[in-house]
Amino acid sequence: MAIWFGAHPAPEALNAVRTKTLVAHLGIQFIEVGDDYLRATMPVDARTHQPYGVLHGGASVALAETMGSTGAMCCVDQARFQCFGQEINANHLRSVASGLVTGTARPFHVGARSQVWGIEIRDERGHLTCVARITIATVERRV
């Protein structure tokens, strides 16, 4: 059973709102939406490298937060609610020097006032490079 509020989100629609944002600058692209997960990619290149030539941990966290926040927003009535990241943590497990990383985000909890999402990031060979967890606050929009 799908977790999304309303229509099943399309990757094209999720990518359309990223213009002129950090998400676009880092090259993050949503590629797949399942009934209970989102999947996105991010290039490992000069935009996402740290000074020593490998993927910057902060770029991995930006990918994780993008995916968790986007997933959270797709689970609520966006006319009535907004979602804000409250806390994120990440464990960096393996370095990546080039190519593409792919993240998969799934919720652990989707409640009325909070959500908790888990994100796994893998390299092109399928090796786990980072695991993250984000807590999201769901807040009623002010008029």
Protein backbone atom coordinates (compact mmCIF):
# COMPACT_ATOMS: atom_id res chain seq x y z
CA MET A 1 0.00 0.00 0.00
CA ALA A 2 1.35 3.42 -0.96
CA ILE A 3 2.27 5.90 1.77
CA TRP A 4 1.88 9.04 -0.38
CA PHE A 5 -0.80 11.69 0.14
CA GLY A 6 -2.90 11.94 -3.00
CA ALA A 7 -1.35 10.93 -6.30
CA HIS A 8 1.79 8.83 -6.51
CA PRO A 9 4.67 11.37 -6.94
CA ALA A 10 6.52 11.23 -10.25
CA PRO A 11 10.31 11.69 -10.37
CA GLU A 12 9.86 14.32 -13.10
CA ALA A 13 7.64 16.42 -10.81
CA LEU A 14 10.11 16.09 -7.91
CA ASN A 15 12.98 17.16 -10.18
CA ALA A 16 11.02 20.13 -11.57
CA VAL A 17 11.02 22.00 -8.23
CA ARG A 18 14.80 21.82 -7.71
CA THR A 19 15.71 24.67 -10.10
CA LYS A 20 18.17 27.22 -8.63
CA THR A 21 18.64 25.26 -5.40
CA LEU A 22 21.44 23.36 -3.71
CA VAL A 23 19.77 20.20 -5.02
CA ALA A 24 20.29 21.32 -8.62
CA HIS A 25 23.83 22.57 -7.93
CA LEU A 26 24.85 19.16 -6.54
CA GLY A 27 23.23 17.36 -9.48
CA ILE A 28 20.76 15.40 -7.37
CA GLN A 29 18.11 13.69 -9.52
CA PHE A 30 15.09 11.69 -8.38
CA ILE A 31 14.93 8.56 -10.50
CA GLU A 32 12.30 6.29 -8.94
CA VAL A 33 9.34 6.38 -6.59
CA GLY A 34 7.88 3.16 -5.19
CA ASP A 35 4.92 2.63 -2.91
CA ASP A 36 7.07 3.29 0.18
CA TYR A 37 10.41 4.67 -1.02
CA LEU A 38 12.18 7.33 -3.08
CA ARG A 39 15.40 6.81 -5.00
CA ALA A 40 17.78 9.54 -6.20
CA THR A 41 21.29 9.85 -7.60
CA MET A 42 24.11 12.34 -7.11
CA PRO A 43 27.33 12.59 -9.11
CA VAL A 44 30.67 12.27 -7.36
CA ASP A 45 32.71 15.01 -9.04
CA ALA A 46 34.25 18.42 -8.31
CA ARG A 47 30.89 19.73 -7.02
CA THR A 48 30.65 17.03 -4.36
CA HIS A 49 34.33 16.30 -3.57
CA GLN A 50 36.11 17.29 -0.39
CA PRO A 51 39.68 18.65 -0.78
CA TYR A 52 41.18 15.14 -0.78
CA GLY A 53 39.37 14.00 -3.93
CA VAL A 54 36.58 11.86 -2.48
CA LEU A 55 32.89 12.40 -1.81
CA HIS A 56 32.36 15.04 0.88
CA GLY A 57 30.37 13.76 3.86
CA GLY A 58 28.31 16.94 3.77
CA ALA A 59 27.26 16.18 0.19
CA SER A 60 26.06 12.74 1.32
CA VAL A 61 24.11 14.40 4.12
CA ALA A 62 22.63 16.91 1.64
CA LEU A 63 21.47 13.99 -0.53
CA ALA A 64 19.97 12.24 2.52
CA GLU A 65 18.20 15.38 3.75
CA THR A 66 16.87 16.13 0.28
CA MET A 67 15.42 12.65 0.01
CA GLY A 68 13.96 12.52 3.53
CA SER A 69 12.44 16.00 3.32
CA THR A 70 11.00 15.36 -0.13
CA GLY A 71 9.54 12.06 0.97
CA ALA A 72 8.02 13.70 4.03
CA MET A 73 6.38 16.43 1.95
CA CYS A 74 4.88 13.78 -0.35
CA CYS A 75 3.19 12.17 2.69
CA VAL A 76 1.22 15.25 3.75
CA ASP A 77 -1.40 17.58 2.32
CA GLN A 78 0.97 20.31 1.12
CA ALA A 79 -1.83 22.88 1.08
CA ARG A 80 -2.17 22.44 4.87
CA PHE A 81 1.25 21.32 6.12
CA GLN A 82 4.97 21.95 5.74
CA CYS A 83 7.79 19.62 6.73
CA PHE A 84 11.06 20.74 8.31
CA GLY A 85 14.15 18.73 9.16
CA GLN A 86 14.80 18.71 12.91
CA GLU A 87 17.74 16.35 13.22
CA ILE A 88 19.90 14.32 10.87
CA ASN A 89 22.77 11.97 11.49
CA ALA A 90 24.95 9.98 9.14
CA ASN A 91 27.58 7.29 9.25
CA HIS A 92 30.08 7.43 6.39
CA LEU A 93 31.18 3.86 5.71
CA ARG A 94 33.19 3.86 2.48
CA SER A 95 34.82 6.56 0.37
CA VAL A 96 33.89 7.18 -3.27
CA ALA A 97 36.17 9.08 -5.66
CA SER A 98 34.08 9.23 -8.83
CA GLY A 99 30.92 8.05 -10.52
CA LEU A 100 27.42 8.19 -9.16
CA VAL A 101 25.93 7.40 -5.78
CA THR A 102 22.32 6.29 -5.38
CA GLY A 103 20.23 6.88 -2.29
CA THR A 104 17.11 5.04 -1.22
CA ALA A 105 14.87 6.65 1.41
CA ARG A 106 12.16 4.83 3.36
CA PRO A 107 10.14 5.99 6.35
CA PHE A 108 10.42 4.32 9.72
CA HIS A 109 7.51 6.42 11.02
CA VAL A 110 4.97 8.73 9.39
CA GLY A 111 2.92 10.39 12.10
CA ALA A 112 0.68 13.42 12.36
CA ARG A 113 3.43 15.67 13.78
CA SER A 114 6.68 13.91 12.98
CA GLN A 115 8.30 11.56 10.53
CA VAL A 116 11.52 9.55 10.71
CA TRP A 117 13.22 8.44 7.49
CA GLY A 118 16.18 6.15 6.87
CA ILE A 119 18.43 6.66 3.86
CA GLU A 120 21.00 4.24 2.42
CA ILE A 121 23.53 5.58 -0.09
CA ARG A 122 25.39 3.15 -2.33
CA ASP A 123 28.12 3.46 -4.96
CA GLU A 124 27.86 2.14 -8.51
CA ARG A 125 29.05 -1.31 -7.41
CA GLY A 126 26.30 -1.50 -4.80
CA HIS A 127 28.60 -0.96 -1.82
CA LEU A 128 26.99 0.85 1.10
CA THR A 129 28.80 4.19 1.49
CA CYS A 130 26.57 6.05 3.96
CA VAL A 131 23.54 5.45 6.17
CA ALA A 132 21.54 8.37 7.52
CA ARG A 133 18.44 8.99 9.58
CA ILE A 134 16.42 12.21 9.54
CA THR A 135 13.65 13.37 11.85
CA ILE A 136 11.10 15.68 10.25
CA ALA A 137 8.58 17.97 11.96
CA THR A 138 5.18 18.31 10.29
CA VAL A 139 3.80 21.79 10.94
CA GLU A 140 0.48 23.32 9.97
CA ARG A 141 0.90 26.17 7.49
CA ARG A 142 0.19 29.65 8.80
CA VAL A 143 -2.31 31.71 6.84
